Amino acid sequence: MTQPIERVVIVGAGTMGVTLAKLMLAHRIPVRMIDNQAAALEACRREIERTFSDNHPTVGELEVQAHWSQEGEGSIVIESVTENLAIKRAVIAEAEANCAATTLIVTNTSGLSIDAIGQGMRHPERLAGAHFFNPADLIPAVEVIPGAATTQATIHRTCAFLSLLGKRPAVLKQSVPGFVANRIQHAIMRECLSLLEKGVVDVEALDEIVQFSIGVRLALNGPLLQRDLNGLDTHLNIARYLYEDLEDTHTPSRLLEEYVAKGRLGAKAGRGFYPWDEVHIKRQELEARGNLEHIIAIAMNDKRS
């Protein structure tokens, strides 16, 4: 990057904001965390201290505060508040009011329009979307999304910044709702829920089939590379008879609506598709992170070979 990074300003001390802070600090980049909730800032500070207390004697400096400070050209702002257009737009407006005209501003959104988030900006050319995946300090891929006014220089600077953090930025040619990963993820989940509703398979069997078949392959090969290996003619022959029977509803699953209405929200509520308790949740979190690290190491090594 042509401009040295003085600090990264992260707005929003929720789950994604905290993991983004961990990522920056691990790369010795000072972080200024902004959140108007004192409890969120204190929880962020505690989590950072817990993460870096013993294993990382030299990390970037963390500041937490409820209000903005004036930021210069050497700062990078990452908006990481809740996925609400009005709130994100307000944060971007505050960022512009408190930053130099050339400060890079990044919105971490899962699929909202970059143009809608940046509506009203004086300098929309310096806004880029960067969809990090949770946990942001671990998952390599980041979707980089331009708005209509975003310059190539902004995209280049964003990608250079992400590469500095050890990420694998992938630039979209245009912004679409959900971007790429979430569109694919929701397409898969739509079919999974349809199969459950139709009684084709139960929850445990469905997870077993996906995890140990396409899940394993997709960890090493993207879907298009895998199709090349399988043969496009084979894929076409199957598509000709299968597509007419796949789920194509334009509304959320009845089963999903029912579960949410009953409070079956997943691990955080004690039940979703599976029953959960604190011991089970903690074990799953610990095992999942270790397993992710192992899978990522294998996939990254495969890409280098």
C-alpha atoms as a PDB file:
ATOM      1  CA  MET A   1       0.000   0.000   0.000  1.00  0.00           C
ATOM      2  CA  THR A   2       1.307   3.459  -0.832  1.00  0.00           C
ATOM      3  CA  GLN A   3      -0.038   5.042   2.361  1.00  0.00           C
ATOM      4  CA  PRO A   4       1.308   3.525   5.620  1.00  0.00           C
ATOM      5  CA  ILE A   5      -1.438   2.344   7.978  1.00  0.00           C
ATOM      6  CA  GLU A   6      -1.444   4.359  11.191  1.00  0.00           C
ATOM      7  CA  ARG A   7      -4.481   2.602  12.626  1.00  0.00           C
ATOM      8  CA  VAL A   8      -7.677   0.781  11.726  1.00  0.00           C
ATOM      9  CA  VAL A   9     -10.871   2.273  13.108  1.00  0.00           C
ATOM     10  CA  ILE A  10     -13.544  -0.384  13.629  1.00  0.00           C
ATOM     11  CA  VAL A  11     -17.095   0.795  14.247  1.00  0.00           C
ATOM     12  CA  GLY A  12     -19.172  -1.832  16.028  1.00  0.00           C
ATOM     13  CA  ALA A  13     -17.890  -4.002  18.885  1.00  0.00           C
ATOM     14  CA  GLY A  14     -20.088  -7.004  18.136  1.00  0.00           C
ATOM     15  CA  THR A  15     -18.922 -10.480  17.153  1.00  0.00           C
ATOM     16  CA  MET A  16     -17.504  -9.447  13.777  1.00  0.00           C
ATOM     17  CA  GLY A  17     -15.984  -6.243  15.095  1.00  0.00           C
ATOM     18  CA  VAL A  18     -14.123  -8.090  17.838  1.00  0.00           C
ATOM     19  CA  THR A  19     -12.735 -10.738  15.474  1.00  0.00           C
ATOM     20  CA  LEU A  20     -11.677  -7.971  13.079  1.00  0.00           C
ATOM     21  CA  ALA A  21      -9.866  -6.284  15.960  1.00  0.00           C
ATOM     22  CA  LYS A  22      -8.085  -9.559  16.741  1.00  0.00           C
ATOM     23  CA  LEU A  23      -7.005  -9.801  13.106  1.00  0.00           C
ATOM     24  CA  MET A  24      -5.545  -6.278  13.049  1.00  0.00           C
ATOM     25  CA  LEU A  25      -3.842  -6.573  16.427  1.00  0.00           C
ATOM     26  CA  ALA A  26      -2.261  -9.900  15.494  1.00  0.00           C
ATOM     27  CA  HIS A  27      -0.666  -8.051  12.564  1.00  0.00           C
ATOM     28  CA  ARG A  28       0.541  -5.308  14.934  1.00  0.00           C
ATOM     29  CA  ILE A  29      -1.825  -2.699  13.538  1.00  0.00           C
ATOM     30  CA  PRO A  30      -3.228  -0.275  16.144  1.00  0.00           C
ATOM     31  CA  VAL A  31      -7.015  -0.471  16.503  1.00  0.00           C
ATOM     32  CA  ARG A  32      -9.505   2.154  17.612  1.00  0.00           C
ATOM     33  CA  MET A  33     -12.823   0.459  18.432  1.00  0.00           C
ATOM     34  CA  ILE A  34     -15.907   2.700  18.452  1.00  0.00           C
ATOM     35  CA  ASP A  35     -19.260   1.654  19.906  1.00  0.00           C
ATOM     36  CA  ASN A  36     -21.921   3.650  21.736  1.00  0.00           C
ATOM     37  CA  GLN A  37     -22.568   0.754  24.110  1.00  0.00           C
ATOM     38  CA  ALA A  38     -20.184   0.775  27.083  1.00  0.00           C
ATOM     39  CA  ALA A  39     -20.902  -2.896  27.806  1.00  0.00           C
ATOM     40  CA  ALA A  40     -19.899  -3.881  24.269  1.00  0.00           C
ATOM     41  CA  LEU A  41     -16.629  -1.957  24.545  1.00  0.00           C
ATOM     42  CA  GLU A  42     -15.806  -3.582  27.885  1.00  0.00           C
ATOM     43  CA  ALA A  43     -16.617  -7.045  26.516  1.00  0.00           C
ATOM     44  CA  CYS A  44     -14.360  -6.301  23.537  1.00  0.00           C
ATOM     45  CA  ARG A  45     -11.507  -5.260  25.803  1.00  0.00           C
ATOM     46  CA  ARG A  46     -11.872  -8.404  27.936  1.00  0.00           C
ATOM     47  CA  GLU A  47     -11.935 -10.687  24.906  1.00  0.00           C
ATOM     48  CA  ILE A  48      -8.846  -9.049  23.412  1.00  0.00           C
ATOM     49  CA  GLU A  49      -7.005  -9.353  26.731  1.00  0.00           C
ATOM     50  CA  ARG A  50      -8.020 -13.011  27.014  1.00  0.00           C
ATOM     51  CA  THR A  51      -6.878 -13.762  23.471  1.00  0.00           C
ATOM     52  CA  PHE A  52      -3.520 -12.019  23.576  1.00  0.00           C
ATOM     53  CA  SER A  53      -2.549 -12.179  27.260  1.00  0.00           C
ATOM     54  CA  ASP A  54       0.088 -14.919  27.070  1.00  0.00           C
ATOM     55  CA  ASN A  55       0.632 -16.052  23.507  1.00  0.00           C
ATOM     56  CA  HIS A  56       1.187 -12.717  21.755  1.00  0.00           C
ATOM     57  CA  PRO A  57       3.523 -10.472  23.725  1.00  0.00           C
ATOM     58  CA  THR A  58       3.820  -8.008  20.840  1.00  0.00           C
ATOM     59  CA  VAL A  59       0.535  -6.925  19.277  1.00  0.00           C
ATOM     60  CA  GLY A  60      -1.010  -3.723  18.067  1.00  0.00           C
ATOM     61  CA  GLU A  61      -2.414  -1.174  20.500  1.00  0.00           C
ATOM     62  CA  LEU A  62      -6.154  -1.206  21.262  1.00  0.00           C
ATOM     63  CA  GLU A  63      -8.212   1.890  22.113  1.00  0.00           C
ATOM     64  CA  VAL A  64     -11.929   1.688  22.860  1.00  0.00           C
ATOM     65  CA  GLN A  65     -14.173   4.744  22.836  1.00  0.00           C
ATOM     66  CA  ALA A  66     -17.787   5.771  22.444  1.00  0.00           C
ATOM     67  CA  HIS A  67     -17.172   8.756  20.160  1.00  0.00           C
ATOM     68  CA  TRP A  68     -15.231   9.574  17.011  1.00  0.00           C
ATOM     69  CA  SER A  69     -11.831  11.218  16.863  1.00  0.00           C
ATOM     70  CA  GLN A  70     -10.523  13.005  13.785  1.00  0.00           C
ATOM     71  CA  GLU A  71      -8.822  10.473  11.505  1.00  0.00           C
ATOM     72  CA  GLY A  72      -6.134  11.266   8.953  1.00  0.00           C
ATOM     73  CA  GLU A  73      -5.133   9.732   5.633  1.00  0.00           C
ATOM     74  CA  GLY A  74      -3.214   6.974   7.413  1.00  0.00           C
ATOM     75  CA  SER A  75      -6.347   5.538   9.022  1.00  0.00           C
ATOM     76  CA  ILE A  76      -8.626   2.919   7.521  1.00  0.00           C
ATOM     77  CA  VAL A  77     -12.238   2.800   8.715  1.00  0.00           C
ATOM     78  CA  ILE A  78     -14.157  -0.487   8.805  1.00  0.00           C
ATOM     79  CA  GLU A  79     -17.879  -0.201   9.481  1.00  0.00           C
ATOM     80  CA  SER A  80     -19.054  -3.422  11.155  1.00  0.00           C
ATOM     81  CA  VAL A  81     -22.381  -2.605  12.780  1.00  0.00           C
ATOM     82  CA  THR A  82     -25.587  -4.625  12.571  1.00  0.00           C
ATOM     83  CA  GLU A  83     -26.908  -5.517   9.108  1.00  0.00           C
ATOM     84  CA  ASN A  84     -29.328  -2.594   8.965  1.00  0.00           C
ATOM     85  CA  LEU A  85     -29.173  -0.178   6.045  1.00  0.00           C
ATOM     86  CA  ALA A  86     -30.160   2.945   7.975  1.00  0.00           C
ATOM     87  CA  ILE A  87     -27.644   2.281  10.752  1.00  0.00           C
ATOM     88  CA  LYS A  88     -24.832   1.521   8.322  1.00  0.00           C
ATOM     89  CA  ARG A  89     -25.605   4.630   6.285  1.00  0.00           C
ATOM     90  CA  ALA A  90     -25.481   6.759   9.453  1.00  0.00           C
ATOM     91  CA  VAL A  91     -22.103   5.284  10.423  1.00  0.00           C
ATOM     92  CA  ILE A  92     -20.671   5.992   6.969  1.00  0.00           C
ATOM     93  CA  ALA A  93     -21.882   9.602   7.232  1.00  0.00           C
ATOM     94  CA  GLU A  94     -20.144   9.907  10.619  1.00  0.00           C
ATOM     95  CA  ALA A  95     -16.985   8.414   9.139  1.00  0.00           C
ATOM     96  CA  GLU A  96     -16.927  11.005   6.363  1.00  0.00           C
ATOM     97  CA  ALA A  97     -17.477  13.805   8.860  1.00  0.00           C
ATOM     98  CA  ASN A  98     -14.513  12.681  10.958  1.00  0.00           C
ATOM     99  CA  CYS A  99     -12.012  11.530   8.330  1.00  0.00           C
ATOM    100  CA  ALA A 100      -9.715  13.091   5.774  1.00  0.00           C
ATOM    101  CA  ALA A 101     -11.085  13.241   2.232  1.00  0.00           C
ATOM    102  CA  THR A 102      -8.856  10.371   1.104  1.00  0.00           C
ATOM    103  CA  THR A 103      -9.327   8.026   4.082  1.00  0.00           C
ATOM    104  CA  LEU A 104     -10.327   4.547   2.909  1.00  0.00           C
ATOM    105  CA  ILE A 105     -13.776   3.595   4.229  1.00  0.00           C
ATOM    106  CA  VAL A 106     -14.817  -0.057   4.129  1.00  0.00           C
ATOM    107  CA  THR A 107     -18.275  -1.417   4.886  1.00  0.00           C
ATOM    108  CA  ASN A 108     -18.411  -4.982   6.188  1.00  0.00           C
ATOM    109  CA  THR A 109     -21.796  -6.131   4.937  1.00  0.00           C
ATOM    110  CA  SER A 110     -23.137  -9.594   4.174  1.00  0.00           C
ATOM    111  CA  GLY A 111     -25.093  -8.480   1.144  1.00  0.00           C
ATOM    112  CA  LEU A 112     -26.522  -4.963   1.305  1.00  0.00           C
ATOM    113  CA  SER A 113     -26.045  -2.637  -1.663  1.00  0.00           C
ATOM    114  CA  ILE A 114     -22.804  -0.658  -1.473  1.00  0.00           C
ATOM    115  CA  ASP A 115     -24.467   2.230  -3.297  1.00  0.00           C
ATOM    116  CA  ALA A 116     -27.358   2.254  -0.816  1.00  0.00           C
ATOM    117  CA  ILE A 117     -24.977   2.226   2.158  1.00  0.00           C
ATOM    118  CA  GLY A 118     -22.948   5.066   0.661  1.00  0.00           C
ATOM    119  CA  GLN A 119     -25.924   7.185  -0.379  1.00  0.00           C
ATOM    120  CA  GLY A 120     -25.270  10.847   0.364  1.00  0.00           C
ATOM    121  CA  MET A 121     -21.479  10.534   0.651  1.00  0.00           C
ATOM    122  CA  ARG A 122     -19.391  13.484  -0.511  1.00  0.00           C
ATOM    123  CA  HIS A 123     -16.650  11.115  -1.658  1.00  0.00           C
ATOM    124  CA  PRO A 124     -18.310   7.793  -2.583  1.00  0.00           C
ATOM    125  CA  GLU A 125     -15.276   6.913  -4.689  1.00  0.00           C
ATOM    126  CA  ARG A 126     -13.368   5.911  -1.518  1.00  0.00           C
ATOM    127  CA  LEU A 127     -16.043   3.479  -0.235  1.00  0.00           C
ATOM    128  CA  ALA A 128     -15.671  -0.267  -0.827  1.00  0.00           C
ATOM    129  CA  GLY A 129     -17.538  -3.288   0.457  1.00  0.00           C
ATOM    130  CA  ALA A 130     -15.557  -6.039   2.167  1.00  0.00           C
ATOM    131  CA  HIS A 131     -17.547  -9.070   3.267  1.00  0.00           C
ATOM    132  CA  PHE A 132     -15.495 -10.848   5.927  1.00  0.00           C
ATOM    133  CA  PHE A 133     -16.591 -14.284   7.096  1.00  0.00           C
ATOM    134  CA  ASN A 134     -16.936 -15.235  10.749  1.00  0.00           C
ATOM    135  CA  PRO A 135     -14.544 -15.668  12.456  1.00  0.00           C
ATOM    136  CA  ALA A 136     -12.870 -12.832  10.574  1.00  0.00           C
ATOM    137  CA  ASP A 137      -9.494 -13.493  12.162  1.00  0.00           C
ATOM    138  CA  LEU A 138      -9.465 -17.018  10.723  1.00  0.00           C
ATOM    139  CA  ILE A 139     -11.425 -17.421   7.450  1.00  0.00           C
ATOM    140  CA  PRO A 140      -9.144 -16.435   4.513  1.00  0.00           C
ATOM    141  CA  ALA A 141     -11.670 -15.281   1.893  1.00  0.00           C
ATOM    142  CA  VAL A 142     -13.032 -11.735   1.751  1.00  0.00           C
ATOM    143  CA  GLU A 143     -15.494 -10.633  -0.918  1.00  0.00           C
ATOM    144  CA  VAL A 144     -14.572  -7.150  -2.187  1.00  0.00           C
ATOM    145  CA  ILE A 145     -17.474  -5.250  -3.715  1.00  0.00           C
ATOM    146  CA  PRO A 146     -17.315  -1.945  -5.613  1.00  0.00           C
ATOM    147  CA  GLY A 147     -20.103   0.586  -5.677  1.00  0.00           C
ATOM    148  CA  ALA A 148     -20.968   2.482  -8.843  1.00  0.00           C
ATOM    149  CA  ALA A 149     -18.628   5.334  -7.845  1.00  0.00           C
ATOM    150  CA  THR A 150     -15.831   3.229  -6.323  1.00  0.00           C
ATOM    151  CA  THR A 151     -12.541   3.833  -8.125  1.00  0.00           C
ATOM    152  CA  GLN A 152     -10.081   1.162  -9.172  1.00  0.00           C
ATOM    153  CA  ALA A 153      -7.572   2.836  -6.872  1.00  0.00           C
ATOM    154  CA  THR A 154      -9.908   2.209  -3.924  1.00  0.00           C
ATOM    155  CA  ILE A 155     -10.370  -1.442  -4.884  1.00  0.00           C
ATOM    156  CA  HIS A 156      -6.625  -1.855  -5.317  1.00  0.00           C
ATOM    157  CA  ARG A 157      -5.960  -0.257  -1.941  1.00  0.00           C
ATOM    158  CA  THR A 158      -8.601  -2.435  -0.269  1.00  0.00           C
ATOM    159  CA  CYS A 159      -7.153  -5.621  -1.758  1.00  0.00           C
ATOM    160  CA  ALA A 160      -3.613  -4.607  -0.811  1.00  0.00           C
ATOM    161  CA  PHE A 161      -4.768  -4.001   2.760  1.00  0.00           C
ATOM    162  CA  LEU A 162      -6.503  -7.391   2.914  1.00  0.00           C
ATOM    163  CA  SER A 163      -3.475  -9.161   1.450  1.00  0.00           C
ATOM    164  CA  LEU A 164      -1.332  -7.526   4.121  1.00  0.00           C
ATOM    165  CA  LEU A 165      -3.593  -9.243   6.653  1.00  0.00           C
ATOM    166  CA  GLY A 166      -3.060 -12.627   5.001  1.00  0.00           C
ATOM    167  CA  LYS A 167      -6.521 -12.666   3.415  1.00  0.00           C
ATOM    168  CA  ARG A 168      -7.549 -13.858  -0.045  1.00  0.00           C
ATOM    169  CA  PRO A 169      -9.572 -10.946  -1.493  1.00  0.00           C
ATOM    170  CA  ALA A 170     -11.902 -11.791  -4.375  1.00  0.00           C
ATOM    171  CA  VAL A 171     -13.301  -8.817  -6.293  1.00  0.00           C
ATOM    172  CA  LEU A 172     -16.858  -8.919  -7.608  1.00  0.00           C
ATOM    173  CA  LYS A 173     -17.547  -7.204 -10.931  1.00  0.00           C
ATOM    174  CA  GLN A 174     -20.782  -5.747  -9.587  1.00  0.00           C
ATOM    175  CA  SER A 175     -22.875  -5.667  -6.432  1.00  0.00           C
ATOM    176  CA  VAL A 176     -25.828  -8.062  -6.199  1.00  0.00           C
ATOM    177  CA  PRO A 177     -27.925  -8.825  -3.085  1.00  0.00           C
ATOM    178  CA  GLY A 178     -26.073 -11.363  -0.940  1.00  0.00           C
ATOM    179  CA  PHE A 179     -22.948 -11.102  -3.115  1.00  0.00           C
ATOM    180  CA  VAL A 180     -21.594 -14.584  -4.018  1.00  0.00           C
ATOM    181  CA  ALA A 181     -21.082 -16.723  -0.912  1.00  0.00           C
ATOM    182  CA  ASN A 182     -24.416 -15.946   0.726  1.00  0.00           C
ATOM    183  CA  ARG A 183     -26.343 -16.513  -2.491  1.00  0.00           C
ATOM    184  CA  ILE A 184     -24.784 -19.951  -2.837  1.00  0.00           C
ATOM    185  CA  GLN A 185     -25.195 -20.709   0.867  1.00  0.00           C
ATOM    186  CA  HIS A 186     -28.883 -19.769   0.814  1.00  0.00           C
ATOM    187  CA  ALA A 187     -29.492 -21.753  -2.370  1.00  0.00           C
ATOM    188  CA  ILE A 188     -28.062 -24.837  -0.641  1.00  0.00           C
ATOM    189  CA  MET A 189     -30.056 -24.174   2.530  1.00  0.00           C
ATOM    190  CA  ARG A 190     -33.277 -23.678   0.567  1.00  0.00           C
ATOM    191  CA  GLU A 191     -32.903 -27.182  -0.866  1.00  0.00           C
ATOM    192  CA  CYS A 192     -31.930 -28.647   2.532  1.00  0.00           C
ATOM    193  CA  LEU A 193     -35.038 -27.214   4.197  1.00  0.00           C
ATOM    194  CA  SER A 194     -37.211 -28.427   1.337  1.00  0.00           C
ATOM    195  CA  LEU A 195     -35.875 -31.972   1.750  1.00  0.00           C
ATOM    196  CA  LEU A 196     -36.657 -31.837   5.482  1.00  0.00           C
ATOM    197  CA  GLU A 197     -40.170 -30.505   4.855  1.00  0.00           C
ATOM    198  CA  LYS A 198     -40.882 -33.262   2.327  1.00  0.00           C
ATOM    199  CA  GLY A 199     -39.681 -35.953   4.750  1.00  0.00           C
ATOM    200  CA  VAL A 200     -36.969 -37.155   2.373  1.00  0.00           C
ATOM    201  CA  VAL A 201     -34.305 -37.205   5.090  1.00  0.00           C
ATOM    202  CA  ASP A 202     -33.891 -36.338   8.775  1.00  0.00           C
ATOM    203  CA  VAL A 203     -31.615 -33.647  10.221  1.00  0.00           C
ATOM    204  CA  GLU A 204     -28.753 -35.925  11.265  1.00  0.00           C
ATOM    205  CA  ALA A 205     -28.647 -37.834   7.979  1.00  0.00           C
ATOM    206  CA  LEU A 206     -28.756 -34.644   5.906  1.00  0.00           C
ATOM    207  CA  ASP A 207     -25.818 -33.141   7.784  1.00  0.00           C
ATOM    208  CA  GLU A 208     -23.888 -36.408   7.497  1.00  0.00           C
ATOM    209  CA  ILE A 209     -24.413 -36.625   3.740  1.00  0.00           C
ATOM    210  CA  VAL A 210     -23.435 -33.010   3.027  1.00  0.00           C
ATOM    211  CA  GLN A 211     -20.480 -32.883   5.427  1.00  0.00           C
ATOM    212  CA  PHE A 212     -18.820 -36.034   4.148  1.00  0.00           C
ATOM    213  CA  SER A 213     -19.514 -35.636   0.407  1.00  0.00           C
ATOM    214  CA  ILE A 214     -19.724 -32.209  -1.218  1.00  0.00           C
ATOM    215  CA  GLY A 215     -18.530 -30.517   1.976  1.00  0.00           C
ATOM    216  CA  VAL A 216     -15.192 -32.314   1.828  1.00  0.00           C
ATOM    217  CA  ARG A 217     -14.744 -31.590  -1.873  1.00  0.00           C
ATOM    218  CA  LEU A 218     -15.653 -27.909  -1.612  1.00  0.00           C
ATOM    219  CA  ALA A 219     -13.033 -27.432   1.088  1.00  0.00           C
ATOM    220  CA  LEU A 220     -10.383 -28.226  -1.518  1.00  0.00           C
ATOM    221  CA  ASN A 221     -11.934 -27.311  -4.884  1.00  0.00           C
ATOM    222  CA  GLY A 222     -14.340 -24.559  -5.852  1.00  0.00           C
ATOM    223  CA  PRO A 223     -17.599 -25.744  -7.455  1.00  0.00           C
ATOM    224  CA  LEU A 224     -16.536 -24.821 -10.998  1.00  0.00           C
ATOM    225  CA  LEU A 225     -13.159 -26.533 -10.724  1.00  0.00           C
ATOM    226  CA  GLN A 226     -14.964 -29.595  -9.378  1.00  0.00           C
ATOM    227  CA  ARG A 227     -17.361 -29.534 -12.350  1.00  0.00           C
ATOM    228  CA  ASP A 228     -14.388 -29.465 -14.718  1.00  0.00           C
ATOM    229  CA  LEU A 229     -12.983 -32.526 -12.984  1.00  0.00           C
ATOM    230  CA  ASN A 230     -16.327 -34.342 -13.123  1.00  0.00           C
ATOM    231  CA  GLY A 231     -17.090 -33.323 -16.713  1.00  0.00           C
ATOM    232  CA  LEU A 232     -19.464 -30.598 -17.872  1.00  0.00           C
ATOM    233  CA  ASP A 233     -21.351 -33.042 -20.085  1.00  0.00           C
ATOM    234  CA  THR A 234     -22.099 -35.205 -17.053  1.00  0.00           C
ATOM    235  CA  HIS A 235     -23.320 -32.160 -15.138  1.00  0.00           C
ATOM    236  CA  LEU A 236     -25.544 -31.087 -18.041  1.00  0.00           C
ATOM    237  CA  ASN A 237     -27.112 -34.535 -18.378  1.00  0.00           C
ATOM    238  CA  ILE A 238     -28.046 -34.553 -14.688  1.00  0.00           C
ATOM    239  CA  ALA A 239     -29.215 -30.924 -14.778  1.00  0.00           C
ATOM    240  CA  ARG A 240     -31.646 -31.686 -17.627  1.00  0.00           C
ATOM    241  CA  TYR A 241     -33.752 -34.005 -15.471  1.00  0.00           C
ATOM    242  CA  LEU A 242     -32.995 -32.692 -11.974  1.00  0.00           C
ATOM    243  CA  TYR A 243     -33.522 -28.930 -12.216  1.00  0.00           C
ATOM    244  CA  GLU A 244     -37.277 -29.180 -12.756  1.00  0.00           C
ATOM    245  CA  ASP A 245     -37.580 -30.947  -9.384  1.00  0.00           C
ATOM    246  CA  LEU A 246     -35.334 -28.648  -7.314  1.00  0.00           C
ATOM    247  CA  GLU A 247     -36.847 -26.196  -4.835  1.00  0.00           C
ATOM    248  CA  ASP A 248     -37.370 -22.773  -6.412  1.00  0.00           C
ATOM    249  CA  THR A 249     -39.600 -20.985  -3.897  1.00  0.00           C
ATOM    250  CA  HIS A 250     -39.161 -17.221  -3.632  1.00  0.00           C
ATOM    251  CA  THR A 251     -40.221 -17.125   0.029  1.00  0.00           C
ATOM    252  CA  PRO A 252     -38.479 -18.451   3.151  1.00  0.00           C
ATOM    253  CA  SER A 253     -39.140 -22.054   4.134  1.00  0.00           C
ATOM    254  CA  ARG A 254     -42.300 -22.813   6.106  1.00  0.00           C
ATOM    255  CA  LEU A 255     -40.203 -24.955   8.459  1.00  0.00           C
ATOM    256  CA  LEU A 256     -37.764 -22.101   9.066  1.00  0.00           C
ATOM    257  CA  GLU A 257     -40.596 -19.653   9.762  1.00  0.00           C
ATOM    258  CA  GLU A 258     -42.149 -22.155  12.180  1.00  0.00           C
ATOM    259  CA  TYR A 259     -38.920 -22.745  14.096  1.00  0.00           C
ATOM    260  CA  VAL A 260     -38.232 -19.027  14.501  1.00  0.00           C
ATOM    261  CA  ALA A 261     -41.817 -18.352  15.619  1.00  0.00           C
ATOM    262  CA  LYS A 262     -41.404 -21.023  18.324  1.00  0.00           C
ATOM    263  CA  GLY A 263     -38.131 -19.516  19.536  1.00  0.00           C
ATOM    264  CA  ARG A 264     -36.006 -22.328  18.114  1.00  0.00           C
ATOM    265  CA  LEU A 265     -33.258 -19.932  17.024  1.00  0.00           C
ATOM    266  CA  GLY A 266     -30.283 -22.277  17.285  1.00  0.00           C
ATOM    267  CA  ALA A 267     -27.498 -22.617  19.826  1.00  0.00           C
ATOM    268  CA  LYS A 268     -28.100 -19.185  21.386  1.00  0.00           C
ATOM    269  CA  ALA A 269     -31.668 -20.192  22.315  1.00  0.00           C
ATOM    270  CA  GLY A 270     -30.943 -23.748  23.443  1.00  0.00           C
ATOM    271  CA  ARG A 271     -32.580 -25.380  20.435  1.00  0.00           C
ATOM    272  CA  GLY A 272     -32.666 -25.082  16.668  1.00  0.00           C
ATOM    273  CA  PHE A 273     -32.367 -28.188  14.533  1.00  0.00           C
ATOM    274  CA  TYR A 274     -30.509 -29.722  17.496  1.00  0.00           C
ATOM    275  CA  PRO A 275     -30.743 -29.270  21.295  1.00  0.00           C
ATOM    276  CA  TRP A 276     -27.936 -27.160  22.827  1.00  0.00           C
ATOM    277  CA  ASP A 277     -26.538 -26.455  26.272  1.00  0.00           C
ATOM    278  CA  GLU A 278     -23.555 -24.366  27.410  1.00  0.00           C
ATOM    279  CA  VAL A 279     -21.195 -27.350  27.614  1.00  0.00           C
ATOM    280  CA  HIS A 280     -22.139 -28.488  24.112  1.00  0.00           C
ATOM    281  CA  ILE A 281     -21.780 -24.959  22.718  1.00  0.00           C
ATOM    282  CA  LYS A 282     -18.314 -24.437  24.241  1.00  0.00           C
ATOM    283  CA  ARG A 283     -17.108 -27.822  23.015  1.00  0.00           C
ATOM    284  CA  GLN A 284     -18.432 -27.132  19.531  1.00  0.00           C
ATOM    285  CA  GLU A 285     -16.756 -23.703  19.421  1.00  0.00           C
ATOM    286  CA  LEU A 286     -13.386 -25.104  20.496  1.00  0.00           C
ATOM    287  CA  GLU A 287     -13.534 -28.085  18.156  1.00  0.00           C
ATOM    288  CA  ALA A 288     -14.817 -26.012  15.239  1.00  0.00           C
ATOM    289  CA  ARG A 289     -11.975 -23.502  15.435  1.00  0.00           C
ATOM    290  CA  GLY A 290      -9.304 -26.204  15.610  1.00  0.00           C
ATOM    291  CA  ASN A 291     -10.900 -28.117  12.746  1.00  0.00           C
ATOM    292  CA  LEU A 292     -11.221 -24.951  10.651  1.00  0.00           C
ATOM    293  CA  GLU A 293      -7.552 -24.134  11.184  1.00  0.00           C
ATOM    294  CA  HIS A 294      -6.618 -27.641  10.052  1.00  0.00           C
ATOM    295  CA  ILE A 295      -8.850 -27.564   6.958  1.00  0.00           C
ATOM    296  CA  ILE A 296      -7.670 -24.069   5.975  1.00  0.00           C
ATOM    297  CA  ALA A 297      -4.027 -25.127   6.304  1.00  0.00           C
ATOM    298  CA  ILE A 298      -4.635 -28.095   3.988  1.00  0.00           C
ATOM    299  CA  ALA A 299      -6.561 -25.988   1.453  1.00  0.00           C
ATOM    300  CA  MET A 300      -3.956 -23.213   1.436  1.00  0.00           C
ATOM    301  CA  ASN A 301      -1.134 -25.709   1.036  1.00  0.00           C
ATOM    302  CA  ASP A 302      -3.006 -27.328  -1.851  1.00  0.00           C
ATOM    303  CA  LYS A 303      -3.309 -23.921  -3.573  1.00  0.00           C
ATOM    304  CA  ARG A 304       0.441 -23.335  -3.241  1.00  0.00           C
ATOM    305  CA  SER A 305       1.436 -26.749  -4.609  1.00  0.00           C
END
